[in-house]
Amino acid sequence: MVGPPFRLYRKAVSYLPQRRRLAGGIKMPVNDWIIFSVSALFVIGAGVAIGRISGELGERLGLGRAWAGAVLLSFATTLPELVTTVTVTLEGAYGLALGGILGSVVFNLFILVLVDLADPDPLYGGKLSKSHLSTGLLGTALLGILMAGLALGVAQDRGLIPHNPEIILAAPLGIIALYGVGQFILFRMARQSFDKGMVVPTVFSKFPMWGILAAYGAAAAIIVFAAMALGSSVHRLSDHYGLAATFAGATMLGIVTSLPEITNALACARQREYDLAVGNVLGANAFVLVVLAGASLIAGNRLFTGAGTADAMSALVMAGLAVIMQVIALGALAIESTHHMKRLSAASLILASLYAATLFVSYQFGR
């Protein structure tokens, strides 16, 4: 059921002019492009601010920067995914929701390539906390549950197995439950491994605790409202240009909603806060899957059964490639790989190639 705030927002948007006619009779959704661009700018600006706040908040709470990046920062920077996914799901664009979330996952892993490129030393060469392995493995397990749920949904849709909604319901519930257990374990690990001597001073170091919490809430609110407009504008643009749902989600929605992650990761890399940058990427990849599971439950679990065969199969392949990418990154971290070619490590070269392959696959399913 669509709530009153969303209905009011959609009614307000409907009064805006949606098309402008160009020479030759070609229609261009000028207003949608303006909403898209302005919303993206607000998401970027608020995302950068909340990144600095999250690091300070994690240290004030005695949790360290790795956990702050994996939970506090990843929650804040995945607010665009949360809002846009719920928005397009309520509008019935299930393929767009799947493509947006999985596009964010693979693009987040591509961010590690950019961080590696910005770092003169090998990114995986022993400078990162091994706690990232636990966060990354949790995200990989959640991707596995998502793939199982999508496969069962396709099988039921094609009549390969009897229709049983309870079986499909186990997928989103399993994602949420496993994430909760995993975060409890990671929280206890972070409390035990926090080193007060590792505290990094920031501009927020002089703020009182209430000021930091207020700034965190204000930045989060800006991201929420900007992401609502962003999700609806992408939905209309993809319909206007006839883009495949999963491809539009993986590009227009997945990349733009990951702008807070990329801006924060590069800012952290410049300040040599690599644990915060990597923790944000891996933590966000786990949390966005919980967002997808929650959106599915809100929509009566229609994400797993109502996306259509082509969109579901595209999402399955994208999720499989995301698993491979995440395993490669975690493997390089585990062995502290220093293999590189010029400025990029071998792992980063593979990640960049697989990201391009993911976009190619999502495009092919929409042809």
Protein backbone atom coordinates (compact mmCIF):
# COMPACT_ATOMS: atom_id res chain seq x y z
CA MET A 1 0.00 0.00 0.00
CA VAL A 2 1.32 3.44 -0.94
CA GLY A 3 1.48 5.82 2.03
CA PRO A 4 0.13 9.41 2.10
CA PRO A 5 3.62 11.06 1.89
CA PHE A 6 4.44 9.15 -1.28
CA ARG A 7 1.04 9.92 -2.85
CA LEU A 8 1.47 13.62 -2.05
CA TYR A 9 4.97 13.60 -3.58
CA ARG A 10 3.78 11.81 -6.74
CA LYS A 11 0.83 14.21 -7.13
CA ALA A 12 3.12 17.22 -6.80
CA VAL A 13 5.48 15.84 -9.45
CA SER A 14 2.58 15.19 -11.82
CA TYR A 15 1.90 18.94 -12.06
CA LEU A 16 5.35 19.60 -13.49
CA PRO A 17 5.79 19.68 -17.30
CA GLN A 18 7.22 16.32 -18.30
CA ARG A 19 8.19 16.88 -21.94
CA ARG A 20 9.65 19.60 -24.16
CA ARG A 21 9.39 19.31 -27.95
CA LEU A 22 12.59 19.79 -29.92
CA ALA A 23 13.07 20.60 -33.59
CA GLY A 24 11.78 17.81 -35.80
CA GLY A 25 9.07 16.79 -33.34
CA ILE A 26 11.38 14.83 -31.01
CA LYS A 27 10.25 14.98 -27.40
CA MET A 28 12.83 15.36 -24.62
CA PRO A 29 11.97 15.02 -20.91
CA VAL A 30 13.73 18.24 -19.91
CA ASN A 31 12.06 18.47 -16.52
CA ASP A 32 13.03 14.90 -15.63
CA TRP A 33 16.66 15.59 -16.55
CA ILE A 34 16.65 18.70 -14.38
CA ILE A 35 15.21 16.77 -11.41
CA PHE A 36 17.74 13.99 -12.04
CA SER A 37 20.72 16.39 -12.11
CA VAL A 38 19.73 18.51 -9.11
CA SER A 39 18.88 15.45 -7.01
CA ALA A 40 22.24 13.88 -7.88
CA LEU A 41 24.07 17.04 -6.73
CA PHE A 42 22.27 17.01 -3.38
CA VAL A 43 23.02 13.30 -2.94
CA ILE A 44 26.73 13.89 -3.63
CA GLY A 45 27.05 16.90 -1.32
CA ALA A 46 25.22 15.34 1.61
CA GLY A 47 27.05 12.06 1.05
CA VAL A 48 30.47 13.70 1.33
CA ALA A 49 29.46 15.48 4.55
CA ILE A 50 28.04 12.38 6.17
CA GLY A 51 31.23 10.45 5.41
CA ARG A 52 33.30 12.73 7.62
CA ILE A 53 30.64 12.65 10.34
CA SER A 54 30.47 8.84 10.36
CA GLY A 55 34.19 8.42 10.94
CA GLU A 56 34.13 10.77 13.92
CA LEU A 57 30.98 9.17 15.32
CA GLY A 58 32.51 5.69 15.12
CA GLU A 59 35.55 6.83 17.10
CA ARG A 60 33.42 8.64 19.72
CA LEU A 61 31.53 5.39 20.27
CA GLY A 62 34.78 3.43 20.50
CA LEU A 63 34.10 1.36 17.39
CA GLY A 64 37.02 2.35 15.14
CA ARG A 65 37.04 3.42 11.51
CA ALA A 66 36.70 -0.02 9.94
CA TRP A 67 33.37 -0.68 11.68
CA ALA A 68 32.28 2.94 11.23
CA GLY A 69 32.83 2.52 7.50
CA ALA A 70 31.09 -0.85 7.41
CA VAL A 71 27.98 0.23 9.34
CA LEU A 72 27.58 3.94 10.10
CA LEU A 73 28.98 5.24 6.81
CA SER A 74 27.54 2.44 4.68
CA PHE A 75 24.07 3.03 6.16
CA ALA A 76 24.25 6.74 5.43
CA THR A 77 25.62 6.38 1.91
CA THR A 78 23.11 3.65 1.02
CA LEU A 79 20.15 5.85 1.94
CA PRO A 80 19.76 6.77 -1.77
CA GLU A 81 19.49 3.07 -2.64
CA LEU A 82 16.99 2.56 0.19
CA VAL A 83 14.71 5.39 -0.88
CA THR A 84 14.95 4.85 -4.64
CA THR A 85 14.43 1.09 -4.31
CA VAL A 86 11.29 1.51 -2.21
CA THR A 87 10.06 4.27 -4.56
CA VAL A 88 10.42 2.29 -7.79
CA THR A 89 9.13 -0.88 -6.11
CA LEU A 90 5.93 0.89 -5.07
CA GLU A 91 5.63 2.06 -8.67
CA GLY A 92 5.83 -1.57 -9.83
CA ALA A 93 9.24 -1.25 -11.53
CA TYR A 94 10.67 -4.48 -10.08
CA GLY A 95 13.34 -4.95 -12.73
CA LEU A 96 14.54 -1.39 -12.16
CA ALA A 97 14.81 -2.06 -8.41
CA LEU A 98 16.84 -5.23 -8.95
CA GLY A 99 19.10 -3.55 -11.49
CA GLY A 100 19.61 -0.52 -9.24
CA ILE A 101 20.70 -2.57 -6.24
CA LEU A 102 22.93 -5.01 -8.13
CA GLY A 103 24.31 -2.14 -10.20
CA SER A 104 25.25 -0.44 -6.93
CA VAL A 105 26.96 -3.61 -5.69
CA VAL A 106 29.18 -4.03 -8.74
CA PHE A 107 29.86 -0.29 -9.01
CA ASN A 108 30.88 -0.21 -5.35
CA LEU A 109 33.44 -2.90 -6.09
CA PHE A 110 34.62 -0.85 -9.06
CA ILE A 111 35.19 2.00 -6.57
CA LEU A 112 37.98 -0.13 -5.09
CA VAL A 113 39.71 0.15 -8.47
CA LEU A 114 39.55 3.94 -8.26
CA VAL A 115 40.85 3.91 -4.67
CA ASP A 116 43.71 1.67 -5.78
CA LEU A 117 44.45 4.05 -8.65
CA ALA A 118 44.54 7.02 -6.26
CA ASP A 119 46.94 5.22 -3.91
CA PRO A 120 50.65 5.24 -4.90
CA ASP A 121 51.22 2.07 -2.82
CA PRO A 122 49.48 -1.30 -3.36
CA LEU A 123 46.02 -1.11 -1.79
CA TYR A 124 45.99 -4.75 -0.68
CA GLY A 125 49.61 -4.84 0.47
CA GLY A 126 49.02 -5.17 4.22
CA LYS A 127 47.65 -1.72 5.11
CA LEU A 128 44.01 -2.85 5.52
CA SER A 129 42.33 -4.40 8.56
CA LYS A 130 41.53 -8.10 8.24
CA SER A 131 38.09 -7.37 9.73
CA HIS A 132 37.01 -6.43 6.20
CA LEU A 133 37.14 -10.13 5.33
CA SER A 134 34.22 -10.81 7.68
CA THR A 135 32.17 -7.96 6.23
CA GLY A 136 32.91 -9.07 2.68
CA LEU A 137 32.05 -12.70 3.37
CA LEU A 138 28.75 -11.62 4.89
CA GLY A 139 27.89 -9.68 1.73
CA THR A 140 28.87 -12.64 -0.45
CA ALA A 141 26.59 -14.97 1.52
CA LEU A 142 23.70 -12.50 1.14
CA LEU A 143 24.27 -12.44 -2.62
CA GLY A 144 24.00 -16.23 -2.60
CA ILE A 145 20.61 -16.08 -0.86
CA LEU A 146 19.43 -13.46 -3.36
CA MET A 147 20.46 -15.68 -6.28
CA ALA A 148 18.61 -18.66 -4.78
CA GLY A 149 15.45 -16.58 -4.32
CA LEU A 150 15.59 -15.23 -7.88
CA ALA A 151 16.15 -18.73 -9.31
CA LEU A 152 13.17 -20.11 -7.37
CA GLY A 153 11.03 -17.20 -8.56
CA VAL A 154 11.91 -17.89 -12.20
CA ALA A 155 11.30 -21.62 -11.71
CA GLN A 156 7.83 -20.98 -10.32
CA ASP A 157 7.04 -18.47 -13.06
CA ARG A 158 8.04 -21.00 -15.73
CA GLY A 159 6.09 -23.82 -14.06
CA LEU A 160 9.21 -25.85 -13.30
CA ILE A 161 8.24 -26.21 -9.64
CA PRO A 162 4.86 -25.91 -7.87
CA HIS A 163 3.79 -22.38 -6.89
CA ASN A 164 4.68 -21.90 -3.21
CA PRO A 165 4.96 -18.32 -1.91
CA GLU A 166 6.40 -19.49 1.43
CA ILE A 167 9.54 -20.81 -0.30
CA ILE A 168 10.19 -17.48 -2.02
CA LEU A 169 9.47 -15.62 1.22
CA ALA A 170 12.40 -17.42 2.82
CA ALA A 171 14.85 -15.45 0.62
CA PRO A 172 14.19 -11.89 1.91
CA LEU A 173 13.69 -13.11 5.46
CA GLY A 174 16.94 -15.09 5.26
CA ILE A 175 18.83 -12.03 3.99
CA ILE A 176 17.56 -9.85 6.85
CA ALA A 177 18.20 -12.52 9.52
CA LEU A 178 21.71 -13.35 8.34
CA TYR A 179 22.63 -9.67 8.12
CA GLY A 180 21.42 -9.11 11.69
CA VAL A 181 23.45 -12.03 13.04
CA GLY A 182 26.49 -11.01 11.03
CA GLN A 183 26.40 -7.41 12.23
CA PHE A 184 26.09 -8.55 15.85
CA ILE A 185 29.25 -10.62 15.46
CA LEU A 186 31.08 -7.80 13.64
CA PHE A 187 30.04 -5.33 16.34
CA ARG A 188 31.58 -7.48 19.07
CA MET A 189 34.75 -7.90 17.02
CA ALA A 190 34.99 -4.13 16.51
CA ARG A 191 34.60 -3.42 20.23
CA GLN A 192 37.40 -5.85 21.06
CA SER A 193 39.83 -4.64 18.37
CA PHE A 194 39.36 -0.86 18.65
CA ASP A 195 42.67 0.93 19.18
CA LYS A 196 42.32 4.40 20.72
CA GLY A 197 45.80 5.23 19.50
CA MET A 198 44.52 5.01 15.92
CA VAL A 199 42.06 7.91 16.29
CA VAL A 200 42.29 10.32 13.34
CA PRO A 201 41.43 14.00 14.07
CA THR A 202 38.83 15.61 11.77
CA VAL A 203 37.00 18.92 11.50
CA PHE A 204 34.24 17.39 13.64
CA SER A 205 36.60 16.51 16.50
CA LYS A 206 35.64 19.73 18.33
CA PHE A 207 31.90 19.16 17.95
CA PRO A 208 29.90 18.00 21.00
CA MET A 209 28.22 14.61 20.68
CA TRP A 210 24.76 16.13 20.17
CA GLY A 211 26.14 18.32 17.39
CA ILE A 212 27.59 15.32 15.57
CA LEU A 213 24.30 13.41 15.86
CA ALA A 214 22.33 16.44 14.62
CA ALA A 215 24.65 16.88 11.63
CA TYR A 216 24.37 13.16 10.82
CA GLY A 217 20.55 13.38 10.90
CA ALA A 218 20.43 16.54 8.78
CA ALA A 219 22.68 15.07 6.08
CA ALA A 220 20.68 11.83 6.09
CA ALA A 221 17.41 13.77 5.66
CA ILE A 222 18.79 15.63 2.63
CA ILE A 223 19.84 12.34 1.05
CA VAL A 224 16.39 10.80 1.64
CA PHE A 225 14.40 13.60 -0.03
CA ALA A 226 16.85 13.97 -2.92
CA ALA A 227 16.81 10.22 -3.54
CA MET A 228 13.00 10.15 -3.73
CA ALA A 229 13.07 12.58 -6.63
CA LEU A 230 16.02 10.73 -8.16
CA GLY A 231 14.26 7.35 -8.21
CA SER A 232 11.08 8.64 -9.86
CA SER A 233 13.00 10.66 -12.46
CA VAL A 234 15.08 7.62 -13.46
CA HIS A 235 11.90 5.53 -13.77
CA ARG A 236 10.36 8.07 -16.14
CA LEU A 237 13.58 8.52 -18.14
CA SER A 238 14.05 4.78 -18.62
CA ASP A 239 10.46 4.47 -19.86
CA HIS A 240 10.89 7.44 -22.20
CA TYR A 241 14.07 6.11 -23.85
CA GLY A 242 12.92 2.47 -23.85
CA LEU A 243 15.84 1.21 -21.75
CA ALA A 244 15.78 -2.28 -20.27
CA ALA A 245 14.83 -2.12 -16.60
CA THR A 246 17.90 -3.88 -15.20
CA PHE A 247 20.26 -1.96 -17.50
CA ALA A 248 18.72 1.39 -16.53
CA GLY A 249 18.94 0.36 -12.90
CA ALA A 250 22.57 -0.72 -13.19
CA THR A 251 23.63 2.49 -14.93
CA MET A 252 21.43 5.53 -14.26
CA LEU A 253 20.20 4.38 -10.85
CA GLY A 254 23.02 2.14 -9.63
CA ILE A 255 25.84 4.55 -10.44
CA VAL A 256 24.12 7.74 -9.26
CA THR A 257 22.96 6.25 -5.96
CA SER A 258 26.55 5.09 -5.41
CA LEU A 259 27.92 8.63 -5.78
CA PRO A 260 28.13 9.08 -1.99
CA GLU A 261 30.25 5.92 -1.79
CA ILE A 262 32.65 7.03 -4.53
CA THR A 263 33.03 10.59 -3.23
CA ASN A 264 33.65 9.36 0.30
CA ALA A 265 36.00 6.58 -0.80
CA LEU A 266 38.18 8.94 -2.82
CA ALA A 267 38.14 11.53 -0.03
CA CYS A 268 39.20 8.83 2.44
CA ALA A 269 41.94 7.67 0.06
CA ARG A 270 43.35 11.20 -0.19
CA GLN A 271 43.49 11.34 3.61
CA ARG A 272 44.95 7.80 3.72
CA GLU A 273 41.94 6.49 5.65
CA TYR A 274 41.85 3.25 3.67
CA ASP A 275 39.97 1.20 6.26
CA LEU A 276 37.09 3.68 6.22
CA ALA A 277 36.98 3.61 2.40
CA VAL A 278 37.07 -0.19 2.04
CA GLY A 279 34.73 -0.70 5.00
CA ASN A 280 32.22 1.63 3.37
CA VAL A 281 32.27 -0.32 0.09
CA LEU A 282 31.96 -3.79 1.63
CA GLY A 283 29.48 -2.69 4.28
CA ALA A 284 27.31 -0.94 1.70
CA ASN A 285 27.28 -4.07 -0.47
CA ALA A 286 25.81 -6.05 2.43
CA PHE A 287 23.33 -3.40 3.53
CA VAL A 288 21.86 -2.69 0.06
CA LEU A 289 20.80 -6.34 -0.14
CA VAL A 290 18.88 -5.88 3.10
CA VAL A 291 17.28 -2.83 1.50
CA LEU A 292 16.24 -4.99 -1.46
CA ALA A 293 14.82 -7.66 0.86
CA GLY A 294 12.85 -5.06 2.81
CA ALA A 295 11.45 -3.50 -0.38
CA SER A 296 10.40 -6.97 -1.53
CA LEU A 297 8.48 -7.56 1.70
CA ILE A 298 6.77 -4.16 1.39
CA ALA A 299 5.66 -5.08 -2.14
CA GLY A 300 4.32 -8.50 -1.13
CA ASN A 301 7.55 -10.21 -2.20
CA ARG A 302 6.87 -9.25 -5.81
CA LEU A 303 10.55 -8.48 -6.50
CA PHE A 304 11.31 -12.20 -6.65
CA THR A 305 8.25 -13.22 -8.68
CA GLY A 306 7.04 -10.16 -10.59
CA ALA A 307 10.18 -8.88 -12.29
CA GLY A 308 9.71 -10.93 -15.45
CA THR A 309 11.92 -13.72 -16.74
CA ALA A 310 14.39 -11.52 -18.68
CA ASP A 311 14.92 -9.09 -15.79
CA ALA A 312 15.22 -11.90 -13.25
CA MET A 313 17.77 -13.79 -15.38
CA SER A 314 19.73 -10.57 -15.96
CA ALA A 315 19.75 -9.96 -12.20
CA LEU A 316 20.91 -13.54 -11.61
CA VAL A 317 23.89 -13.13 -13.91
CA MET A 318 24.74 -9.74 -12.40
CA ALA A 319 24.60 -11.22 -8.89
CA GLY A 320 26.87 -14.08 -9.97
CA LEU A 321 29.43 -11.66 -11.40
CA ALA A 322 29.19 -9.59 -8.20
CA VAL A 323 30.06 -12.71 -6.18
CA ILE A 324 33.13 -13.30 -8.36
CA MET A 325 34.23 -9.67 -8.02
CA GLN A 326 33.81 -9.67 -4.26
CA VAL A 327 35.72 -12.96 -3.87
CA ILE A 328 38.61 -11.57 -5.93
CA ALA A 329 38.80 -8.43 -3.77
CA LEU A 330 38.66 -10.46 -0.56
CA GLY A 331 41.27 -12.91 -1.86
CA ALA A 332 43.68 -10.08 -2.64
CA LEU A 333 43.09 -8.67 0.84
CA ALA A 334 43.61 -12.04 2.52
CA ILE A 335 46.96 -12.78 0.84
CA GLU A 336 48.03 -9.09 0.96
CA SER A 337 48.63 -9.11 -2.77
CA THR A 338 51.24 -6.70 -4.13
CA HIS A 339 51.04 -7.82 -7.76
CA HIS A 340 50.42 -4.80 -9.92
CA MET A 341 50.79 -3.34 -13.42
CA LYS A 342 51.88 0.29 -13.36
CA ARG A 343 49.44 1.98 -10.94
CA LEU A 344 46.84 -0.81 -10.72
CA SER A 345 46.99 -4.12 -8.88
CA ALA A 346 46.15 -7.35 -10.67
CA ALA A 347 42.96 -7.63 -8.62
CA SER A 348 41.85 -4.15 -9.71
CA LEU A 349 42.40 -4.97 -13.39
CA ILE A 350 40.18 -8.03 -13.04
CA LEU A 351 37.52 -6.05 -11.14
CA ALA A 352 37.42 -3.38 -13.86
CA SER A 353 37.02 -6.03 -16.57
CA LEU A 354 34.22 -7.81 -14.71
CA TYR A 355 32.38 -4.53 -14.11
CA ALA A 356 32.39 -3.84 -17.85
CA ALA A 357 31.15 -7.40 -18.44
CA THR A 358 28.29 -6.84 -15.99
CA LEU A 359 27.04 -3.77 -17.85
CA PHE A 360 27.36 -5.60 -21.17
CA VAL A 361 25.27 -8.53 -19.89
CA SER A 362 22.54 -6.31 -18.46
CA TYR A 363 22.35 -4.44 -21.78
CA GLN A 364 22.12 -7.66 -23.81
CA PHE A 365 19.13 -8.90 -21.81
CA GLY A 366 17.21 -5.79 -22.80
CA ARG A 367 17.80 -6.01 -26.54
